[in-house]
Amino acid sequence: MAAYLVGQITVKDDKLWQEYVSGVAESLAPFEANIIFRGKRDKVLAGSHAYNLVVVIEFADLSTLDNWFNSEKYQSLIPIRDRAANVAITSYQA
């Protein structure tokens, strides 16, 4: 059953963020993940929401998503991510 990662983002350092995004793209390849959507928030229609960017990534299943997240390559990107942006990452199963 497909699984989805949703990243909600507010960038603090554009240069570092681009370095992180490039690294993520490389890290996803062995896991056959697909970036479904990347976008910039237009407006909040209800409630409150602190982030202005979003990414949705599809994985074959939750196990594959977890294996990617815990992979050596992705884990090595976390310090860059944390310096580059405020990020909330959640996973969902279809």
PDB file of N, CA and C in Angstrom:
ATOM      1  N   MET A   1       0.843  -1.175   0.000  1.00  0.00           N
ATOM      2  CA  MET A   1       0.000   0.000   0.000  1.00  0.00           C
ATOM      3  C   MET A   1       0.890   1.241   0.000  1.00  0.00           C
ATOM      4  N   ALA A   2       0.617   2.182  -0.880  1.00  0.00           N
ATOM      5  CA  ALA A   2       1.442   3.385  -1.013  1.00  0.00           C
ATOM      6  C   ALA A   2       1.515   4.163   0.295  1.00  0.00           C
ATOM      7  N   ALA A   3       2.650   4.819   0.478  1.00  0.00           N
ATOM      8  CA  ALA A   3       2.866   5.679   1.642  1.00  0.00           C
ATOM      9  C   ALA A   3       3.368   7.024   1.145  1.00  0.00           C
ATOM     10  N   TYR A   4       3.039   8.061   1.886  1.00  0.00           N
ATOM     11  CA  TYR A   4       3.386   9.418   1.482  1.00  0.00           C
ATOM     12  C   TYR A   4       4.078  10.161   2.608  1.00  0.00           C
ATOM     13  N   LEU A   5       5.123  10.869   2.244  1.00  0.00           N
ATOM     14  CA  LEU A   5       5.798  11.769   3.161  1.00  0.00           C
ATOM     15  C   LEU A   5       5.342  13.175   2.801  1.00  0.00           C
ATOM     16  N   VAL A   6       4.972  13.950   3.801  1.00  0.00           N
ATOM     17  CA  VAL A   6       4.607  15.347   3.599  1.00  0.00           C
ATOM     18  C   VAL A   6       5.586  16.193   4.404  1.00  0.00           C
ATOM     19  N   GLY A   7       6.296  17.048   3.714  1.00  0.00           N
ATOM     20  CA  GLY A   7       7.214  17.975   4.359  1.00  0.00           C
ATOM     21  C   GLY A   7       6.643  19.375   4.277  1.00  0.00           C
ATOM     22  N   GLN A   8       6.555  20.036   5.406  1.00  0.00           N
ATOM     23  CA  GLN A   8       6.098  21.427   5.464  1.00  0.00           C
ATOM     24  C   GLN A   8       7.289  22.270   5.883  1.00  0.00           C
ATOM     25  N   ILE A   9       7.542  23.338   5.163  1.00  0.00           N
ATOM     26  CA  ILE A   9       8.845  23.991   5.222  1.00  0.00           C
ATOM     27  C   ILE A   9       8.729  25.507   5.260  1.00  0.00           C
ATOM     28  N   THR A  10       9.602  26.126   6.068  1.00  0.00           N
ATOM     29  CA  THR A  10       9.882  27.555   5.979  1.00  0.00           C
ATOM     30  C   THR A  10      11.402  27.689   5.896  1.00  0.00           C
ATOM     31  N   VAL A  11      11.887  28.170   4.761  1.00  0.00           N
ATOM     32  CA  VAL A  11      13.326  28.260   4.499  1.00  0.00           C
ATOM     33  C   VAL A  11      13.932  29.442   5.241  1.00  0.00           C
ATOM     34  N   LYS A  12      15.110  29.180   5.862  1.00  0.00           N
ATOM     35  CA  LYS A  12      15.866  30.225   6.561  1.00  0.00           C
ATOM     36  C   LYS A  12      17.103  30.643   5.759  1.00  0.00           C
ATOM     37  N   ASP A  13      17.654  29.703   4.962  1.00  0.00           N
ATOM     38  CA  ASP A  13      18.880  29.944   4.200  1.00  0.00           C
ATOM     39  C   ASP A  13      18.723  29.277   2.837  1.00  0.00           C
ATOM     40  N   ASP A  14      18.494  30.079   1.797  1.00  0.00           N
ATOM     41  CA  ASP A  14      18.219  29.549   0.459  1.00  0.00           C
ATOM     42  C   ASP A  14      19.346  28.684  -0.095  1.00  0.00           C
ATOM     43  N   LYS A  15      20.590  29.100   0.105  1.00  0.00           N
ATOM     44  CA  LYS A  15      21.729  28.349  -0.433  1.00  0.00           C
ATOM     45  C   LYS A  15      21.819  26.972   0.221  1.00  0.00           C
ATOM     46  N   LEU A  16      21.727  26.925   1.533  1.00  0.00           N
ATOM     47  CA  LEU A  16      21.756  25.634   2.234  1.00  0.00           C
ATOM     48  C   LEU A  16      20.549  24.779   1.861  1.00  0.00           C
ATOM     49  N   TRP A  17      19.399  25.417   1.685  1.00  0.00           N
ATOM     50  CA  TRP A  17      18.197  24.667   1.317  1.00  0.00           C
ATOM     51  C   TRP A  17      18.378  23.980  -0.036  1.00  0.00           C
ATOM     52  N   GLN A  18      18.957  24.659  -0.993  1.00  0.00           N
ATOM     53  CA  GLN A  18      19.189  24.051  -2.310  1.00  0.00           C
ATOM     54  C   GLN A  18      20.166  22.881  -2.205  1.00  0.00           C
ATOM     55  N   GLU A  19      21.158  23.005  -1.335  1.00  0.00           N
ATOM     56  CA  GLU A  19      22.098  21.898  -1.099  1.00  0.00           C
ATOM     57  C   GLU A  19      21.341  20.696  -0.531  1.00  0.00           C
ATOM     58  N   TYR A  20      20.468  20.938   0.412  1.00  0.00           N
ATOM     59  CA  TYR A  20      19.664  19.875   1.016  1.00  0.00           C
ATOM     60  C   TYR A  20      18.750  19.230  -0.022  1.00  0.00           C
ATOM     61  N   VAL A  21      18.037  20.029  -0.798  1.00  0.00           N
ATOM     62  CA  VAL A  21      17.106  19.511  -1.805  1.00  0.00           C
ATOM     63  C   VAL A  21      17.839  18.627  -2.814  1.00  0.00           C
ATOM     64  N   SER A  22      19.016  19.043  -3.240  1.00  0.00           N
ATOM     65  CA  SER A  22      19.810  18.231  -4.169  1.00  0.00           C
ATOM     66  C   SER A  22      20.184  16.895  -3.541  1.00  0.00           C
ATOM     67  N   GLY A  23      20.581  16.933  -2.287  1.00  0.00           N
ATOM     68  CA  GLY A  23      20.933  15.704  -1.582  1.00  0.00           C
ATOM     69  C   GLY A  23      19.743  14.778  -1.412  1.00  0.00           C
ATOM     70  N   VAL A  24      18.582  15.347  -1.128  1.00  0.00           N
ATOM     71  CA  VAL A  24      17.366  14.528  -0.985  1.00  0.00           C
ATOM     72  C   VAL A  24      17.057  13.830  -2.297  1.00  0.00           C
ATOM     73  N   ALA A  25      17.147  14.554  -3.412  1.00  0.00           N
ATOM     74  CA  ALA A  25      16.866  13.945  -4.720  1.00  0.00           C
ATOM     75  C   ALA A  25      17.761  12.729  -4.941  1.00  0.00           C
ATOM     76  N   GLU A  26      19.037  12.849  -4.630  1.00  0.00           N
ATOM     77  CA  GLU A  26      19.970  11.728  -4.757  1.00  0.00           C
ATOM     78  C   GLU A  26      19.591  10.582  -3.816  1.00  0.00           C
ATOM     79  N   SER A  27      19.189  10.927  -2.608  1.00  0.00           N
ATOM     80  CA  SER A  27      18.886   9.899  -1.609  1.00  0.00           C
ATOM     81  C   SER A  27      17.627   9.109  -1.949  1.00  0.00           C
ATOM     82  N   LEU A  28      16.706   9.706  -2.706  1.00  0.00           N
ATOM     83  CA  LEU A  28      15.447   9.045  -3.043  1.00  0.00           C
ATOM     84  C   LEU A  28      15.598   7.992  -4.134  1.00  0.00           C
ATOM     85  N   ALA A  29      16.555   8.167  -5.030  1.00  0.00           N
ATOM     86  CA  ALA A  29      16.682   7.301  -6.206  1.00  0.00           C
ATOM     87  C   ALA A  29      16.692   5.805  -5.883  1.00  0.00           C
ATOM     88  N   PRO A  30      17.487   5.331  -4.929  1.00  0.00           N
ATOM     89  CA  PRO A  30      17.506   3.886  -4.656  1.00  0.00           C
ATOM     90  C   PRO A  30      16.186   3.342  -4.103  1.00  0.00           C
ATOM     91  N   PHE A  31      15.318   4.222  -3.656  1.00  0.00           N
ATOM     92  CA  PHE A  31      14.060   3.799  -3.039  1.00  0.00           C
ATOM     93  C   PHE A  31      12.870   3.942  -3.999  1.00  0.00           C
ATOM     94  N   GLU A  32      13.163   4.323  -5.239  1.00  0.00           N
ATOM     95  CA  GLU A  32      12.140   4.462  -6.282  1.00  0.00           C
ATOM     96  C   GLU A  32      10.966   5.324  -5.807  1.00  0.00           C
ATOM     97  N   ALA A  33      11.280   6.401  -5.104  1.00  0.00           N
ATOM     98  CA  ALA A  33      10.270   7.329  -4.604  1.00  0.00           C
ATOM     99  C   ALA A  33       9.966   8.368  -5.680  1.00  0.00           C
ATOM    100  N   ASN A  34       8.764   8.895  -5.650  1.00  0.00           N
ATOM    101  CA  ASN A  34       8.342   9.903  -6.622  1.00  0.00           C
ATOM    102  C   ASN A  34       7.901  11.174  -5.909  1.00  0.00           C
ATOM    103  N   ILE A  35       8.449  12.293  -6.335  1.00  0.00           N
ATOM    104  CA  ILE A  35       7.978  13.569  -5.810  1.00  0.00           C
ATOM    105  C   ILE A  35       6.669  13.880  -6.533  1.00  0.00           C
ATOM    106  N   ILE A  36       5.591  13.885  -5.784  1.00  0.00           N
ATOM    107  CA  ILE A  36       4.256  14.097  -6.338  1.00  0.00           C
ATOM    108  C   ILE A  36       3.972  15.579  -6.519  1.00  0.00           C
ATOM    109  N   PHE A  37       4.399  16.373  -5.555  1.00  0.00           N
ATOM    110  CA  PHE A  37       4.045  17.787  -5.570  1.00  0.00           C
ATOM    111  C   PHE A  37       5.033  18.588  -4.742  1.00  0.00           C
ATOM    112  N   ARG A  38       5.425  19.725  -5.268  1.00  0.00           N
ATOM    113  CA  ARG A  38       6.153  20.753  -4.522  1.00  0.00           C
ATOM    114  C   ARG A  38       5.429  22.051  -4.775  1.00  0.00           C
ATOM    115  N   GLY A  39       5.225  22.819  -3.740  1.00  0.00           N
ATOM    116  CA  GLY A  39       4.530  24.074  -3.973  1.00  0.00           C
ATOM    117  C   GLY A  39       4.728  25.085  -2.869  1.00  0.00           C
ATOM    118  N   LYS A  40       4.321  26.298  -3.179  1.00  0.00           N
ATOM    119  CA  LYS A  40       4.391  27.414  -2.240  1.00  0.00           C
ATOM    120  C   LYS A  40       2.970  27.757  -1.813  1.00  0.00           C
ATOM    121  N   ARG A  41       2.785  27.944  -0.525  1.00  0.00           N
ATOM    122  CA  ARG A  41       1.458  28.259   0.012  1.00  0.00           C
ATOM    123  C   ARG A  41       0.932  29.558  -0.573  1.00  0.00           C
ATOM    124  N   ASP A  42      -0.315  29.515  -0.974  1.00  0.00           N
ATOM    125  CA  ASP A  42      -1.002  30.704  -1.467  1.00  0.00           C
ATOM    126  C   ASP A  42      -1.634  31.442  -0.295  1.00  0.00           C
ATOM    127  N   LYS A  43      -2.514  30.746   0.433  1.00  0.00           N
ATOM    128  CA  LYS A  43      -3.165  31.341   1.603  1.00  0.00           C
ATOM    129  C   LYS A  43      -3.690  30.220   2.484  1.00  0.00           C
ATOM    130  N   VAL A  44      -3.925  30.542   3.721  1.00  0.00           N
ATOM    131  CA  VAL A  44      -4.522  29.604   4.663  1.00  0.00           C
ATOM    132  C   VAL A  44      -6.025  29.876   4.645  1.00  0.00           C
ATOM    133  N   LEU A  45      -6.796  28.856   4.290  1.00  0.00           N
ATOM    134  CA  LEU A  45      -8.238  29.022   4.162  1.00  0.00           C
ATOM    135  C   LEU A  45      -8.978  28.788   5.473  1.00  0.00           C
ATOM    136  N   ALA A  46      -8.378  28.010   6.379  1.00  0.00           N
ATOM    137  CA  ALA A  46      -8.996  27.754   7.682  1.00  0.00           C
ATOM    138  C   ALA A  46      -7.897  27.420   8.676  1.00  0.00           C
ATOM    139  N   GLY A  47      -8.035  27.852   9.900  1.00  0.00           N
ATOM    140  CA  GLY A  47      -7.044  27.553  10.932  1.00  0.00           C
ATOM    141  C   GLY A  47      -5.791  28.385  10.762  1.00  0.00           C
ATOM    142  N   SER A  48      -4.680  27.865  11.281  1.00  0.00           N
ATOM    143  CA  SER A  48      -3.397  28.553  11.169  1.00  0.00           C
ATOM    144  C   SER A  48      -2.348  27.573  10.667  1.00  0.00           C
ATOM    145  N   HIS A  49      -1.365  28.113   9.970  1.00  0.00           N
ATOM    146  CA  HIS A  49      -0.337  27.272   9.379  1.00  0.00           C
ATOM    147  C   HIS A  49       0.934  28.102   9.231  1.00  0.00           C
ATOM    148  N   ALA A  50       2.007  27.674   9.878  1.00  0.00           N
ATOM    149  CA  ALA A  50       3.225  28.476   9.938  1.00  0.00           C
ATOM    150  C   ALA A  50       4.157  28.289   8.740  1.00  0.00           C
ATOM    151  N   TYR A  51       3.974  27.255   7.950  1.00  0.00           N
ATOM    152  CA  TYR A  51       4.922  26.931   6.877  1.00  0.00           C
ATOM    153  C   TYR A  51       4.460  27.507   5.545  1.00  0.00           C
ATOM    154  N   ASN A  52       5.438  27.821   4.658  1.00  0.00           N
ATOM    155  CA  ASN A  52       5.050  28.401   3.376  1.00  0.00           C
ATOM    156  C   ASN A  52       5.374  27.533   2.163  1.00  0.00           C
ATOM    157  N   LEU A  53       6.050  26.409   2.356  1.00  0.00           N
ATOM    158  CA  LEU A  53       6.334  25.464   1.275  1.00  0.00           C
ATOM    159  C   LEU A  53       5.871  24.076   1.686  1.00  0.00           C
ATOM    160  N   VAL A  54       5.602  23.237   0.683  1.00  0.00           N
ATOM    161  CA  VAL A  54       5.214  21.858   0.958  1.00  0.00           C
ATOM    162  C   VAL A  54       5.802  20.946  -0.114  1.00  0.00           C
ATOM    163  N   VAL A  55       6.101  19.714   0.281  1.00  0.00           N
ATOM    164  CA  VAL A  55       6.500  18.668  -0.659  1.00  0.00           C
ATOM    165  C   VAL A  55       5.775  17.390  -0.261  1.00  0.00           C
ATOM    166  N   VAL A  56       5.317  16.648  -1.268  1.00  0.00           N
ATOM    167  CA  VAL A  56       4.683  15.353  -1.051  1.00  0.00           C
ATOM    168  C   VAL A  56       5.471  14.325  -1.864  1.00  0.00           C
ATOM    169  N   ILE A  57       5.944  13.276  -1.188  1.00  0.00           N
ATOM    170  CA  ILE A  57       6.746  12.239  -1.840  1.00  0.00           C
ATOM    171  C   ILE A  57       6.058  10.895  -1.642  1.00  0.00           C
ATOM    172  N   GLU A  58       5.925  10.144  -2.731  1.00  0.00           N
ATOM    173  CA  GLU A  58       5.273   8.836  -2.686  1.00  0.00           C
ATOM    174  C   GLU A  58       6.314   7.721  -2.634  1.00  0.00           C
ATOM    175  N   PHE A  59       6.067   6.765  -1.748  1.00  0.00           N
ATOM    176  CA  PHE A  59       6.883   5.559  -1.604  1.00  0.00           C
ATOM    177  C   PHE A  59       5.986   4.340  -1.820  1.00  0.00           C
ATOM    178  N   ALA A  60       6.577   3.213  -2.115  1.00  0.00           N
ATOM    179  CA  ALA A  60       5.804   1.988  -2.349  1.00  0.00           C
ATOM    180  C   ALA A  60       5.001   1.588  -1.122  1.00  0.00           C
ATOM    181  N   ASP A  61       5.585   1.801   0.072  1.00  0.00           N
ATOM    182  CA  ASP A  61       4.925   1.413   1.318  1.00  0.00           C
ATOM    183  C   ASP A  61       5.632   2.098   2.483  1.00  0.00           C
ATOM    184  N   LEU A  62       5.066   1.950   3.676  1.00  0.00           N
ATOM    185  CA  LEU A  62       5.650   2.605   4.861  1.00  0.00           C
ATOM    186  C   LEU A  62       7.038   2.086   5.182  1.00  0.00           C
ATOM    187  N   SER A  63       7.263   0.817   4.953  1.00  0.00           N
ATOM    188  CA  SER A  63       8.582   0.243   5.229  1.00  0.00           C
ATOM    189  C   SER A  63       9.656   0.917   4.363  1.00  0.00           C
ATOM    190  N   THR A  64       9.355   1.127   3.091  1.00  0.00           N
ATOM    191  CA  THR A  64      10.301   1.786   2.193  1.00  0.00           C
ATOM    192  C   THR A  64      10.524   3.231   2.615  1.00  0.00           C
ATOM    193  N   LEU A  65       9.455   3.921   3.000  1.00  0.00           N
ATOM    194  CA  LEU A  65       9.583   5.300   3.482  1.00  0.00           C
ATOM    195  C   LEU A  65      10.493   5.334   4.711  1.00  0.00           C
ATOM    196  N   ASP A  66      10.246   4.451   5.663  1.00  0.00           N
ATOM    197  CA  ASP A  66      11.066   4.406   6.883  1.00  0.00           C
ATOM    198  C   ASP A  66      12.515   4.070   6.565  1.00  0.00           C
ATOM    199  N   ASN A  67      12.731   3.126   5.636  1.00  0.00           N
ATOM    200  CA  ASN A  67      14.104   2.764   5.255  1.00  0.00           C
ATOM    201  C   ASN A  67      14.827   3.946   4.627  1.00  0.00           C
ATOM    202  N   TRP A  68      14.122   4.714   3.786  1.00  0.00           N
ATOM    203  CA  TRP A  68      14.739   5.910   3.208  1.00  0.00           C
ATOM    204  C   TRP A  68      15.069   6.910   4.316  1.00  0.00           C
ATOM    205  N   PHE A  69      14.082   7.216   5.172  1.00  0.00           N
ATOM    206  CA  PHE A  69      14.291   8.215   6.216  1.00  0.00           C
ATOM    207  C   PHE A  69      15.471   7.844   7.109  1.00  0.00           C
ATOM    208  N   ASN A  70      15.626   6.582   7.404  1.00  0.00           N
ATOM    209  CA  ASN A  70      16.698   6.121   8.284  1.00  0.00           C
ATOM    210  C   ASN A  70      17.986   5.768   7.548  1.00  0.00           C
ATOM    211  N   SER A  71      18.000   5.960   6.234  1.00  0.00           N
ATOM    212  CA  SER A  71      19.191   5.634   5.447  1.00  0.00           C
ATOM    213  C   SER A  71      20.357   6.544   5.840  1.00  0.00           C
ATOM    214  N   GLU A  72      21.552   6.029   5.645  1.00  0.00           N
ATOM    215  CA  GLU A  72      22.756   6.798   5.958  1.00  0.00           C
ATOM    216  C   GLU A  72      22.792   8.103   5.161  1.00  0.00           C
ATOM    217  N   LYS A  73      22.426   8.031   3.882  1.00  0.00           N
ATOM    218  CA  LYS A  73      22.458   9.217   3.028  1.00  0.00           C
ATOM    219  C   LYS A  73      21.498  10.294   3.550  1.00  0.00           C
ATOM    220  N   TYR A  74      20.244   9.922   3.827  1.00  0.00           N
ATOM    221  CA  TYR A  74      19.306  10.938   4.288  1.00  0.00           C
ATOM    222  C   TYR A  74      19.700  11.459   5.671  1.00  0.00           C
ATOM    223  N   GLN A  75      20.083  10.582   6.560  1.00  0.00           N
ATOM    224  CA  GLN A  75      20.471  11.017   7.903  1.00  0.00           C
ATOM    225  C   GLN A  75      21.628  12.014   7.860  1.00  0.00           C
ATOM    226  N   SER A  76      22.515  11.856   6.864  1.00  0.00           N
ATOM    227  CA  SER A  76      23.647  12.787   6.742  1.00  0.00           C
ATOM    228  C   SER A  76      23.197  14.180   6.309  1.00  0.00           C
ATOM    229  N   LEU A  77      21.991  14.282   5.747  1.00  0.00           N
ATOM    230  CA  LEU A  77      21.471  15.579   5.299  1.00  0.00           C
ATOM    231  C   LEU A  77      20.744  16.356   6.396  1.00  0.00           C
ATOM    232  N   ILE A  78      20.402  15.704   7.480  1.00  0.00           N
ATOM    233  CA  ILE A  78      19.605  16.339   8.524  1.00  0.00           C
ATOM    234  C   ILE A  78      20.265  17.589   9.121  1.00  0.00           C
ATOM    235  N   PRO A  79      21.569  17.580   9.395  1.00  0.00           N
ATOM    236  CA  PRO A  79      22.166  18.828   9.920  1.00  0.00           C
ATOM    237  C   PRO A  79      22.030  20.003   8.942  1.00  0.00           C
ATOM    238  N   ILE A  80      22.141  19.727   7.647  1.00  0.00           N
ATOM    239  CA  ILE A  80      21.967  20.783   6.643  1.00  0.00           C
ATOM    240  C   ILE A  80      20.516  21.253   6.662  1.00  0.00           C
ATOM    241  N   ARG A  81      19.586  20.300   6.666  1.00  0.00           N
ATOM    242  CA  ARG A  81      18.158  20.626   6.708  1.00  0.00           C
ATOM    243  C   ARG A  81      17.837  21.531   7.887  1.00  0.00           C
ATOM    244  N   ASP A  82      18.333  21.162   9.048  1.00  0.00           N
ATOM    245  CA  ASP A  82      18.000  21.905  10.265  1.00  0.00           C
ATOM    246  C   ASP A  82      18.583  23.313  10.282  1.00  0.00           C
ATOM    247  N   ARG A  83      19.716  23.515   9.613  1.00  0.00           N
ATOM    248  CA  ARG A  83      20.276  24.868   9.500  1.00  0.00           C
ATOM    249  C   ARG A  83      19.567  25.669   8.425  1.00  0.00           C
ATOM    250  N   ALA A  84      19.070  24.971   7.392  1.00  0.00           N
ATOM    251  CA  ALA A  84      18.483  25.639   6.235  1.00  0.00           C
ATOM    252  C   ALA A  84      17.034  26.057   6.422  1.00  0.00           C
ATOM    253  N   ALA A  85      16.287  25.311   7.257  1.00  0.00           N
ATOM    254  CA  ALA A  85      14.835  25.562   7.304  1.00  0.00           C
ATOM    255  C   ALA A  85      14.221  25.029   8.572  1.00  0.00           C
ATOM    256  N   ASN A  86      13.028  25.528   8.850  1.00  0.00           N
ATOM    257  CA  ASN A  86      12.153  24.916   9.852  1.00  0.00           C
ATOM    258  C   ASN A  86      11.272  23.936   9.086  1.00  0.00           C
ATOM    259  N   VAL A  87      11.264  22.683   9.511  1.00  0.00           N
ATOM    260  CA  VAL A  87      10.595  21.633   8.737  1.00  0.00           C
ATOM    261  C   VAL A  87       9.785  20.739   9.670  1.00  0.00           C
ATOM    262  N   ALA A  88       8.584  20.408   9.242  1.00  0.00           N
ATOM    263  CA  ALA A  88       7.778  19.364   9.886  1.00  0.00           C
ATOM    264  C   ALA A  88       7.601  18.267   8.836  1.00  0.00           C
ATOM    265  N   ILE A  89       7.911  17.021   9.222  1.00  0.00           N
ATOM    266  CA  ILE A  89       7.794  15.895   8.299  1.00  0.00           C
ATOM    267  C   ILE A  89       6.840  14.889   8.904  1.00  0.00           C
ATOM    268  N   THR A  90       5.856  14.475   8.109  1.00  0.00           N
ATOM    269  CA  THR A  90       4.889  13.471   8.560  1.00  0.00           C
ATOM    270  C   THR A  90       4.749  12.406   7.490  1.00  0.00           C
ATOM    271  N   SER A  91       4.305  11.223   7.905  1.00  0.00           N
ATOM    272  CA  SER A  91       4.073  10.147   6.943  1.00  0.00           C
ATOM    273  C   SER A  91       2.620   9.703   7.023  1.00  0.00           C
ATOM    274  N   TYR A  92       2.126   9.241   5.869  1.00  0.00           N
ATOM    275  CA  TYR A  92       0.728   8.809   5.740  1.00  0.00           C
ATOM    276  C   TYR A  92       0.677   7.554   4.905  1.00  0.00           C
ATOM    277  N   GLN A  93      -0.280   6.707   5.203  1.00  0.00           N
ATOM    278  CA  GLN A  93      -0.493   5.507   4.414  1.00  0.00           C
ATOM    279  C   GLN A  93      -1.806   5.656   3.667  1.00  0.00           C
ATOM    280  N   ALA A  94      -1.790   5.314   2.377  1.00  0.00           N
ATOM    281  CA  ALA A  94      -3.013   5.430   1.565  1.00  0.00           C
ATOM    282  C   ALA A  94      -3.956   4.286   1.855  1.00  0.00           C
TER     283      ALA A  94
END
